[in-house]
Protein backbone atom coordinates (compact mmCIF):
# COMPACT_ATOMS: atom_id res chain seq x y z
CA MET A 1 -29.11 -58.18 -7.50
CA GLY A 2 -25.96 -56.33 -6.44
CA HIS A 3 -22.84 -55.34 -8.30
CA ARG A 4 -19.62 -57.29 -8.44
CA ARG A 5 -17.30 -56.40 -5.60
CA GLY A 6 -13.54 -56.67 -5.35
CA GLU A 7 -11.57 -57.95 -2.38
CA GLY A 8 -11.31 -55.86 0.72
CA ARG A 9 -8.16 -53.75 0.85
CA SER A 10 -7.21 -55.23 4.22
CA GLN A 11 -7.96 -58.82 3.16
CA ALA A 12 -4.97 -61.12 3.77
CA ALA A 13 -4.07 -63.77 1.19
CA LEU A 14 -2.93 -67.24 2.19
CA PHE A 15 -0.87 -67.68 -1.00
CA PRO A 16 0.70 -64.36 -2.07
CA VAL A 17 0.72 -63.73 -5.81
CA MET A 18 4.18 -63.95 -7.43
CA LEU A 19 5.27 -61.06 -9.66
CA ASP A 20 5.87 -63.51 -12.50
CA GLU A 21 2.18 -64.46 -12.49
CA LEU A 22 1.19 -60.83 -13.05
CA VAL A 23 3.15 -60.46 -16.32
CA SER A 24 1.78 -62.41 -19.28
CA GLN A 25 4.10 -64.74 -21.17
CA ASP A 26 3.62 -62.82 -24.44
CA SER A 27 4.36 -59.44 -22.91
CA LEU A 28 6.89 -57.15 -24.61
CA VAL A 29 8.62 -56.57 -21.28
CA ARG A 30 9.78 -60.20 -21.28
CA VAL A 31 11.45 -59.60 -24.65
CA VAL A 32 13.22 -56.54 -23.25
CA ASP A 33 14.49 -58.63 -20.35
CA ALA A 34 15.74 -61.38 -22.68
CA TRP A 35 17.43 -58.85 -25.00
CA VAL A 36 19.43 -57.12 -22.27
CA ALA A 37 20.35 -60.47 -20.71
CA CYS A 38 22.19 -61.53 -23.88
CA LEU A 39 24.30 -58.33 -24.12
CA GLU A 40 27.95 -58.22 -23.08
CA LEU A 41 27.69 -54.90 -21.30
CA GLN A 42 31.33 -54.64 -20.36
CA VAL A 43 32.42 -55.20 -23.95
CA LEU A 44 29.97 -52.55 -25.15
CA GLY A 45 31.51 -50.07 -22.71
CA PHE A 46 28.80 -49.63 -20.07
CA GLY A 47 30.13 -48.18 -16.85
CA LYS A 48 30.10 -50.27 -13.66
CA ALA A 49 29.45 -53.46 -15.63
CA GLN A 50 32.21 -55.08 -13.59
CA ALA A 51 31.12 -55.57 -9.98
CA GLN A 52 33.13 -53.61 -7.41
CA VAL A 53 35.17 -55.36 -4.74
CA MET A 54 34.99 -52.57 -2.17
CA GLY A 55 32.41 -49.95 -1.29
CA ALA A 56 28.67 -49.96 -1.66
CA PRO A 57 27.58 -52.16 -4.61
CA PRO A 58 26.32 -50.13 -7.58
CA TYR A 59 23.19 -50.84 -9.57
CA ASP A 60 23.73 -53.29 -12.41
CA PRO A 61 23.77 -51.34 -15.72
CA ALA A 62 21.66 -54.15 -17.17
CA ASP A 63 18.81 -53.21 -14.83
CA LEU A 64 19.08 -49.52 -15.72
CA LEU A 65 19.21 -50.31 -19.44
CA LYS A 66 16.09 -52.47 -19.12
CA LEU A 67 14.38 -49.65 -17.27
CA TYR A 68 15.15 -47.12 -19.99
CA ILE A 69 14.10 -49.36 -22.89
CA TRP A 70 10.87 -50.19 -21.09
CA GLY A 71 10.40 -46.50 -20.30
CA TYR A 72 10.75 -45.35 -23.91
CA LEU A 73 8.39 -48.09 -25.06
CA SER A 74 5.90 -46.79 -22.47
CA ALA A 75 6.49 -43.08 -23.28
CA GLU A 76 8.13 -42.56 -19.87
CA ARG A 77 11.49 -40.87 -20.42
CA SER A 78 12.23 -38.63 -17.46
CA SER A 79 14.27 -40.07 -14.60
CA ARG A 80 11.73 -38.92 -12.02
CA ALA A 81 8.87 -40.61 -13.89
CA LEU A 82 10.87 -43.83 -14.13
CA GLU A 83 11.63 -43.67 -10.41
CA ARG A 84 7.89 -43.48 -9.69
CA GLU A 85 7.11 -46.37 -12.04
CA CYS A 86 9.62 -48.59 -10.22
CA ARG A 87 7.37 -48.42 -7.16
CA ARG A 88 3.93 -48.74 -8.74
CA ASN A 89 4.07 -50.42 -12.18
CA VAL A 90 3.86 -54.21 -12.09
CA GLU A 91 5.86 -54.71 -15.31
CA CYS A 92 8.57 -52.38 -14.07
CA MET A 93 8.74 -54.12 -10.71
CA TRP A 94 8.98 -57.50 -12.47
CA LEU A 95 11.71 -56.22 -14.80
CA LEU A 96 13.94 -54.90 -12.00
CA GLY A 97 13.04 -57.39 -9.27
CA ARG A 98 11.45 -54.61 -7.19
CA LEU A 99 14.59 -52.48 -7.31
CA ALA A 100 13.82 -48.77 -7.09
CA PRO A 101 16.88 -46.64 -7.98
CA ASP A 102 16.57 -42.91 -7.34
CA HIS A 103 16.17 -40.48 -10.21
CA LYS A 104 19.75 -39.20 -9.97
CA THR A 105 21.14 -42.70 -10.48
CA ILE A 106 18.78 -43.25 -13.40
CA ALA A 107 19.68 -39.94 -15.05
CA GLU A 108 23.41 -40.44 -14.53
CA PHE A 109 23.30 -43.80 -16.33
CA ARG A 110 21.86 -42.23 -19.47
CA ARG A 111 24.22 -39.25 -19.30
CA THR A 112 27.46 -41.23 -18.97
CA ASN A 113 26.82 -44.17 -21.29
CA THR A 114 26.14 -42.53 -24.66
CA PRO A 115 28.73 -44.52 -26.71
CA ALA A 116 27.62 -47.79 -25.10
CA LEU A 117 23.95 -47.05 -25.83
CA VAL A 118 24.78 -46.38 -29.49
CA ALA A 119 26.77 -49.64 -29.61
CA ALA A 120 23.90 -51.63 -28.05
CA CYS A 121 21.54 -50.19 -30.66
CA ALA A 122 23.88 -51.39 -33.42
CA VAL A 123 24.08 -54.87 -31.85
CA PHE A 124 20.31 -55.32 -32.20
CA VAL A 125 20.58 -54.57 -35.92
CA GLN A 126 23.15 -57.36 -36.22
CA PHE A 127 20.86 -59.70 -34.30
CA ALA A 128 18.01 -58.86 -36.70
CA ARG A 129 20.27 -59.56 -39.68
CA ALA A 130 21.42 -62.87 -38.22
CA GLN A 131 17.80 -63.93 -37.73
CA ARG A 132 16.85 -62.81 -41.25
CA LEU A 133 14.47 -60.19 -39.96
CA ILE A 134 16.43 -57.77 -42.13
CA ALA A 135 16.94 -59.47 -45.48
CA GLY A 136 16.94 -56.67 -48.06
CA ASN A 137 19.51 -54.03 -48.98
CA THR A 138 17.27 -51.14 -50.03
CA VAL A 139 17.19 -48.35 -47.46
CA ALA A 140 15.24 -45.11 -47.35
CA ILE A 141 17.16 -42.19 -45.87
CA ASP A 142 15.39 -39.26 -44.28
CA GLY A 143 15.81 -36.69 -41.53
CA SER A 144 13.54 -35.05 -39.01
CA LYS A 145 14.00 -32.11 -36.68
CA ILE A 146 13.92 -32.94 -32.97
CA ARG A 147 13.57 -30.02 -30.55
CA ALA A 148 16.44 -29.43 -28.16
CA VAL A 149 16.11 -28.79 -24.43
CA ALA A 150 16.70 -25.04 -24.89
CA SER A 151 13.60 -22.96 -25.55
CA ARG A 152 13.00 -20.38 -28.25
CA LYS A 153 13.81 -17.67 -25.71
CA ALA A 154 17.40 -18.95 -25.65
CA VAL A 155 17.93 -18.03 -29.32
CA MET A 156 20.18 -14.97 -29.57
CA ASP A 157 21.44 -12.97 -32.54
CA LYS A 158 24.69 -11.03 -32.77
CA GLN A 159 23.22 -7.93 -31.11
CA ALA A 160 21.77 -9.88 -28.18
CA LEU A 161 25.05 -11.75 -27.70
CA GLY A 162 26.94 -8.43 -27.65
CA GLU A 163 24.63 -7.06 -24.97
CA GLN A 164 25.03 -10.27 -22.96
CA ALA A 165 28.83 -10.01 -23.23
CA ARG A 166 28.79 -6.41 -21.96
CA HIS A 167 26.48 -7.33 -19.08
CA ASN A 168 28.71 -10.27 -18.12
CA ALA A 169 31.81 -8.07 -18.26
CA GLN A 170 30.22 -5.59 -15.87
CA GLN A 171 29.29 -8.34 -13.41
CA ILE A 172 32.76 -9.87 -13.61
CA GLU A 173 34.28 -6.48 -12.81
CA GLN A 174 31.98 -6.10 -9.80
CA TYR A 175 32.94 -9.53 -8.46
CA LEU A 176 36.63 -8.76 -8.90
CA GLN A 177 36.20 -5.53 -6.92
CA ILE A 178 34.46 -7.46 -4.13
CA LEU A 179 37.34 -9.94 -3.98
CA ASP A 180 39.88 -7.12 -3.92
CA ALA A 181 38.04 -5.57 -0.99
CA GLN A 182 37.99 -8.97 0.78
CA ASP A 183 41.75 -9.36 0.29
CA ARG A 184 42.37 -6.05 2.07
CA GLN A 185 40.34 -7.18 5.08
CA ASP A 186 40.87 -9.99 7.56
CA ASN A 187 39.63 -13.55 7.01
CA SER A 188 36.26 -12.97 8.71
CA GLY A 189 34.50 -12.87 5.33
CA GLU A 190 36.24 -15.89 3.82
CA ALA A 191 32.99 -17.88 3.44
CA ARG A 192 31.41 -15.05 1.46
CA ALA A 193 34.57 -14.72 -0.65
CA GLN A 194 34.32 -18.40 -1.58
CA ASP A 195 30.75 -17.87 -2.77
CA VAL A 196 31.88 -14.91 -4.86
CA ARG A 197 34.72 -16.94 -6.42
CA ARG A 198 32.33 -19.72 -7.40
CA ALA A 199 29.89 -17.23 -8.92
CA LEU A 200 32.78 -15.53 -10.73
CA GLN A 201 33.96 -18.85 -12.14
CA ARG A 202 30.49 -19.67 -13.48
CA LEU A 203 30.18 -16.20 -15.00
CA GLN A 204 33.58 -16.42 -16.66
CA GLY A 205 32.56 -19.74 -18.19
CA GLN A 206 29.38 -18.16 -19.55
CA GLN A 207 31.38 -15.23 -20.90
CA ALA A 208 33.78 -17.59 -22.69
CA GLN A 209 30.82 -19.33 -24.33
CA VAL A 210 29.27 -16.00 -25.38
CA GLN A 211 32.58 -14.90 -26.92
CA GLU A 212 32.88 -18.21 -28.77
CA ASN A 213 29.38 -17.78 -30.19
CA LEU A 214 30.15 -14.20 -31.20
CA GLN A 215 33.31 -15.31 -32.96
CA ARG A 216 31.38 -18.01 -34.81
CA LEU A 217 28.77 -15.50 -36.00
CA LYS A 218 31.46 -13.03 -37.09
CA GLN A 219 33.01 -15.75 -39.23
CA GLY A 220 29.69 -16.17 -40.99
CA ARG A 221 28.77 -19.55 -39.47
CA GLY A 222 25.08 -18.90 -38.89
CA GLN A 223 23.04 -15.90 -37.85
CA THR A 224 22.00 -17.00 -34.36
CA ALA A 225 23.32 -18.91 -31.35
CA VAL A 226 21.53 -20.79 -28.56
CA ARG A 227 22.25 -19.74 -24.99
CA GLY A 228 22.90 -22.70 -22.70
CA GLU A 229 23.08 -25.24 -25.53
CA PRO A 230 25.62 -24.02 -28.10
CA GLN A 231 25.62 -27.24 -30.14
CA ALA A 232 21.93 -26.88 -30.95
CA GLN A 233 21.03 -25.01 -34.13
CA VAL A 234 18.00 -22.92 -34.94
CA MET A 235 15.82 -24.94 -37.32
CA VAL A 236 12.31 -24.62 -38.70
CA GLN A 237 9.90 -27.09 -37.11
CA ALA A 238 6.15 -26.89 -37.68
CA GLY A 239 6.58 -23.35 -38.96
CA ASN A 240 8.54 -22.17 -35.88
CA ARG A 241 12.25 -21.39 -35.57
CA VAL A 242 13.40 -23.41 -32.55
CA PRO A 243 16.67 -24.87 -31.21
CA ALA A 244 16.82 -28.40 -32.56
CA TYR A 245 18.90 -31.29 -33.84
CA ASN A 246 18.57 -33.20 -37.10
CA LEU A 247 17.85 -36.92 -36.60
CA GLN A 248 18.96 -38.96 -39.62
CA THR A 249 17.71 -42.51 -40.17
CA ALA A 250 18.28 -45.23 -42.75
CA VAL A 251 15.28 -47.60 -42.77
CA GLU A 252 15.33 -50.98 -44.52
CA SER A 253 12.37 -51.13 -46.90
CA GLN A 254 11.14 -54.68 -46.16
CA SER A 255 11.36 -54.89 -42.38
CA HIS A 256 10.97 -51.13 -41.76
CA MET A 257 13.73 -51.40 -39.17
CA ILE A 258 16.17 -48.55 -38.62
CA VAL A 259 19.54 -50.01 -39.61
CA ALA A 260 21.55 -46.81 -39.06
CA HIS A 261 20.94 -43.46 -37.44
CA GLU A 262 22.86 -40.33 -36.56
CA VAL A 263 22.23 -36.98 -34.90
CA SER A 264 23.50 -33.84 -36.65
CA ASN A 265 23.22 -30.13 -35.98
CA ASP A 266 23.11 -29.28 -39.69
CA ALA A 267 19.84 -27.52 -40.46
CA ASN A 268 19.49 -29.24 -43.85
CA ASP A 269 20.26 -32.66 -45.32
CA GLN A 270 22.70 -31.62 -48.05
CA ARG A 271 25.71 -33.33 -46.46
CA GLN A 272 23.97 -36.37 -44.97
CA LEU A 273 23.50 -38.73 -47.93
CA GLN A 274 27.01 -40.18 -48.07
CA PRO A 275 27.56 -40.78 -44.32
CA MET A 276 24.11 -42.34 -43.88
CA ALA A 277 24.42 -44.59 -46.95
CA GLN A 278 27.88 -45.68 -45.81
CA ALA A 279 26.64 -46.37 -42.28
CA ALA A 280 23.75 -48.44 -43.65
CA SER A 281 26.10 -50.39 -45.92
CA SER A 282 28.39 -51.10 -42.98
CA ALA A 283 25.45 -52.27 -40.85
CA LEU A 284 24.10 -54.58 -43.55
CA GLY A 285 27.50 -55.85 -44.67
CA GLU A 286 26.95 -54.98 -48.35
CA PRO A 287 26.49 -51.90 -50.56
CA VAL A 288 22.94 -50.66 -50.22
CA ILE A 289 20.47 -49.09 -52.61
CA ALA A 290 19.84 -45.69 -51.03
CA VAL A 291 16.63 -43.76 -51.69
CA ALA A 292 16.25 -40.15 -50.57
CA ASP A 293 14.30 -36.99 -51.34
CA ALA A 294 15.55 -33.84 -53.08
CA GLY A 295 16.99 -32.44 -49.84
CA TYR A 296 19.83 -34.97 -50.21
CA ALA A 297 20.70 -34.01 -53.81
CA ASN A 298 24.46 -33.62 -53.57
CA GLY A 299 26.28 -34.40 -56.80
CA GLU A 300 29.65 -34.92 -55.16
CA GLN A 301 28.29 -37.41 -52.63
CA ILE A 302 26.22 -39.23 -55.27
CA ALA A 303 29.39 -39.63 -57.35
CA ARG A 304 31.46 -40.90 -54.42
CA LEU A 305 28.78 -43.38 -53.39
CA GLY A 306 28.66 -44.65 -56.96
CA ASP A 307 32.41 -45.27 -56.82
CA GLU A 308 31.81 -47.42 -53.72
CA GLY A 309 29.14 -49.50 -55.46
CA ILE A 310 26.23 -47.83 -53.62
CA THR A 311 23.31 -47.11 -55.95
CA THR A 312 21.32 -43.95 -55.27
CA PHE A 313 17.81 -42.87 -56.16
CA VAL A 314 17.64 -39.20 -55.17
CA ALA A 315 14.93 -36.82 -56.32
CA VAL A 316 16.82 -33.96 -57.97
CA LYS A 317 15.39 -30.50 -58.61
CA ARG A 318 17.33 -28.80 -61.39
CA ALA A 319 17.19 -25.05 -61.91
CA VAL A 320 15.38 -23.66 -64.95
CA ASN A 321 16.13 -20.55 -66.94
CA ASN A 322 13.51 -18.04 -65.72
CA GLN A 323 15.03 -15.00 -67.43
CA ALA A 324 12.75 -13.04 -69.77
CA GLY A 325 9.70 -14.83 -68.40
CA GLY A 326 11.14 -18.28 -69.05
CA THR A 327 11.15 -17.84 -72.87
CA LEU A 328 14.91 -18.21 -73.34
CA TYR A 329 16.74 -21.38 -74.33
CA GLU A 330 17.12 -23.94 -71.57
CA ARG A 331 20.50 -25.46 -70.86
CA SER A 332 19.30 -28.65 -72.59
CA ALA A 333 19.52 -26.75 -75.88
CA PHE A 334 23.30 -26.60 -75.47
CA THR A 335 25.46 -29.65 -76.25
CA TYR A 336 28.37 -30.50 -73.96
CA ASP A 337 31.59 -31.93 -75.37
CA ALA A 338 33.59 -33.73 -72.69
CA GLN A 339 36.79 -33.90 -74.73
CA SER A 340 37.10 -30.14 -75.16
CA ASP A 341 35.20 -29.31 -71.95
CA SER A 342 32.97 -26.83 -73.75
CA PHE A 343 29.38 -26.29 -74.88
CA ALA A 344 28.00 -25.74 -78.36
CA CYS A 345 24.99 -23.41 -78.65
CA PRO A 346 22.04 -23.86 -81.08
CA ALA A 347 23.88 -21.59 -83.54
CA ASP A 348 26.93 -23.90 -83.32
CA LYS A 349 29.07 -21.37 -81.47
CA THR A 350 31.39 -22.47 -78.66
CA LEU A 351 31.01 -21.59 -74.98
CA GLN A 352 34.37 -21.95 -73.24
CA ARG A 353 34.97 -22.73 -69.60
CA LYS A 354 35.21 -19.47 -67.68
CA GLN A 355 35.31 -20.17 -63.93
CA LEU A 356 34.59 -22.68 -61.16
CA GLN A 357 32.31 -21.76 -58.27
CA SER A 358 33.82 -24.01 -55.61
CA LYS A 359 31.06 -23.38 -53.07
CA ASP A 360 28.26 -24.58 -55.36
CA LYS A 361 30.46 -27.02 -57.33
CA MET A 362 29.34 -25.30 -60.55
CA VAL A 363 31.44 -24.69 -63.68
CA ILE A 364 30.49 -21.57 -65.68
CA TYR A 365 30.85 -21.53 -69.48
CA ALA A 366 30.60 -18.31 -71.52
CA ALA A 367 30.13 -17.47 -75.17
CA ARG A 368 32.12 -14.70 -76.78
CA PRO A 369 30.27 -11.34 -76.80
CA GLN A 370 30.98 -10.84 -80.51
CA ASP A 371 29.40 -14.23 -81.31
CA CYS A 372 26.25 -13.40 -79.34
CA GLY A 373 26.00 -9.86 -80.72
CA ALA A 374 25.80 -11.02 -84.31
CA CYS A 375 23.69 -14.13 -83.64
CA ALA A 376 20.21 -14.52 -85.14
CA HIS A 377 19.15 -16.53 -82.07
CA LYS A 378 20.09 -13.85 -79.52
CA LEU A 379 16.50 -12.84 -78.66
CA GLN A 380 15.66 -16.47 -77.88
CA CYS A 381 18.95 -17.09 -76.06
CA THR A 382 19.92 -14.22 -73.75
CA SER A 383 19.13 -10.64 -72.83
CA ALA A 384 22.73 -10.02 -71.75
CA ALA A 385 25.77 -9.24 -73.88
CA GLN A 386 26.77 -12.91 -73.87
CA ARG A 387 25.22 -16.24 -72.89
CA PHE A 388 26.39 -18.15 -69.81
CA VAL A 389 25.71 -21.83 -69.14
CA SER A 390 26.45 -23.65 -65.89
CA ARG A 391 27.31 -27.31 -65.45
CA HIS A 392 27.68 -29.14 -62.16
CA LEU A 393 31.16 -30.42 -61.44
CA TYR A 394 29.60 -33.87 -60.93
CA GLU A 395 27.06 -33.58 -63.73
CA GLY A 396 27.69 -37.12 -64.89
CA ALA A 397 26.67 -38.59 -61.53
CA LEU A 398 23.60 -36.36 -61.36
CA GLN A 399 22.49 -37.34 -64.86
CA ALA A 400 22.97 -41.03 -64.11
CA ASN A 401 20.88 -40.63 -60.95
CA ALA A 402 18.19 -38.74 -62.90
CA HIS A 403 18.14 -41.54 -65.48
CA ARG A 404 17.63 -44.14 -62.75
CA MET A 405 14.80 -42.05 -61.30
CA ALA A 406 13.11 -41.77 -64.68
CA GLU A 407 13.26 -45.55 -65.11
CA ARG A 408 11.93 -46.29 -61.62
CA PRO A 409 9.70 -43.43 -60.40
CA GLU A 410 8.07 -45.79 -57.87
CA MET A 411 11.18 -45.50 -55.70
CA MET A 412 9.94 -42.19 -54.28
CA GLN A 413 6.69 -43.81 -53.20
CA LEU A 414 8.71 -46.61 -51.61
CA ARG A 415 10.75 -43.98 -49.73
CA LYS A 416 7.62 -42.36 -48.35
CA GLN A 417 6.08 -45.67 -47.28
CA THR A 418 9.31 -46.70 -45.56
CA VAL A 419 10.46 -43.68 -43.56
CA GLU A 420 7.22 -42.12 -42.32
CA HIS A 421 6.17 -44.89 -39.93
CA PRO A 422 9.41 -45.00 -37.87
CA PHE A 423 9.41 -41.23 -37.41
CA ALA A 424 5.77 -41.31 -36.27
CA ASP A 425 6.64 -43.91 -33.61
CA LEU A 426 9.83 -42.18 -32.50
CA LYS A 427 8.52 -38.64 -32.29
CA HIS A 428 4.98 -39.14 -31.05
CA LEU A 429 4.84 -42.48 -29.20
CA MET A 430 8.29 -42.61 -27.61
CA LEU A 431 9.48 -39.01 -27.40
CA GLY A 432 6.04 -37.77 -26.39
CA ASN A 433 6.13 -34.12 -27.37
CA ALA A 434 9.14 -34.75 -29.67
CA ARG A 435 11.47 -32.76 -27.45
CA LEU A 436 14.73 -34.01 -26.00
CA LEU A 437 15.57 -34.11 -22.30
CA MET A 438 19.37 -34.07 -22.56
CA ARG A 439 21.58 -31.22 -23.75
CA GLY A 440 24.21 -31.24 -26.46
CA LEU A 441 24.96 -33.61 -29.32
CA ALA A 442 26.18 -36.32 -26.96
CA GLY A 443 22.97 -36.15 -24.94
CA ALA A 444 20.83 -36.22 -28.09
CA ARG A 445 22.75 -39.23 -29.42
CA GLY A 446 22.31 -41.14 -26.17
CA GLU A 447 18.61 -40.42 -25.90
CA LEU A 448 17.84 -41.20 -29.53
CA ALA A 449 19.92 -44.40 -29.40
CA ILE A 450 17.56 -45.68 -26.69
CA ALA A 451 14.53 -44.61 -28.75
CA VAL A 452 15.79 -46.30 -31.93
CA MET A 453 16.68 -49.48 -30.03
CA ALA A 454 13.22 -49.54 -28.43
CA TYR A 455 11.58 -48.99 -31.83
CA ASN A 456 13.53 -51.86 -33.44
CA ILE A 457 12.72 -54.21 -30.56
CA LYS A 458 9.04 -53.37 -30.84
CA ARG A 459 9.14 -53.79 -34.62
CA ALA A 460 10.72 -57.25 -34.33
CA PHE A 461 8.20 -58.15 -31.61
CA ASN A 462 5.31 -57.17 -33.89
CA MET A 463 6.79 -59.19 -36.75
CA LYS A 464 7.55 -62.42 -34.87
CA GLY A 465 5.87 -62.35 -31.46
CA ALA A 466 7.18 -62.79 -27.94
CA ALA A 467 7.78 -66.56 -27.99
CA TRP A 468 9.91 -66.47 -31.14
CA MET A 469 11.86 -63.41 -29.91
CA ARG A 470 12.67 -64.96 -26.53
CA THR A 471 13.74 -68.24 -28.11
CA ALA A 472 15.96 -66.46 -30.65
CA LEU A 473 17.55 -64.24 -28.00
CA GLN A 474 18.17 -67.07 -25.56
CA GLY A 475 19.57 -69.29 -28.29
């Protein structure tokens, strides 16, 4: 008995198969099509949303947006890969009606529509709220490093930038000499002179960027710069120092949908708690309960969020007194009096306010040397001539946050369960090798807006299914 055989490749069919028959009714691609169809692209700011009266008709931005969302869901992000899929993937052909834009058109759409892509991502969050897919107000905030386009070889310190500046200056001088020689001759070498002028213009632009980076390093803003992508910062990822951006997300704890996101080039999360909690509150239409790890412990921002009615649960690591092997009195042994703004030590002596460290938002209090010198507790208190105690400028907010954490320690487990899954999908399923394809903050924001929108669509699809999603979108 023989094997099963398929049709012959040259076999003609009397009734050609329609594309619609090749895509199942519960396919995710049908949800993508329904989602983009309900968007007001012109209102969101997409270019060429209004059809042109004259000239060759452009591609509809709706088709290109569908292509990109489908591409990120299928781990196909590059414009060349998407161009290939338009000609061979059945779902892609169904989605675009067999249109096959070239890779330059595809890439240009993503490059020029960053604000519109971010706006479209926000619109889906509002759709999810309206459909009660997002019903809670507790969000977990976390960040993850996403590698930039520039490689590790593009990282330069002050010395390397200085050498690059000197090399560029020498080349610029050589080009200027060539142009001077051309000016003294007839116009027979005008074509070559034009090439030299273009090369000189590019080099002068590079030199300006190198000088800007040098100036930034001289002012103490970082120790390194990234050649070719100055907005990227050197960050530690998987043990390596690489050019990267910091993707911030606020994930709702019940639906696990990303309700707000932002891309920063800060290497740490110290300044991200307030803007992310505010963005999440704006997206959900009410003050949220924000949960974050110790990297977000910023007393000033915790205090300001409290004033806005936003409750925080932030893991806070407080410094301990490790002098003399950790045998000296901790700060908890000293009693703070808010009325006099002073501390009382275990021997009932007063520590007066001495100075404010504005950078660290710390207030330093000091005992009098004569009180410490004659104190019976000195050996247990300090090895210096006098005891110093520090208090955070927003100590009240930090203590209130610590009290909330002590009452509900399960909030840290909730944070972990909420934020890890979206990052796994974004970085490994959609971004492939977790490296961006577009340069600069604007490029990173555009690319990650597509990824977040694709993740939220897939999450809603998994929660409700294709039939419910299509009905809700069309309604």
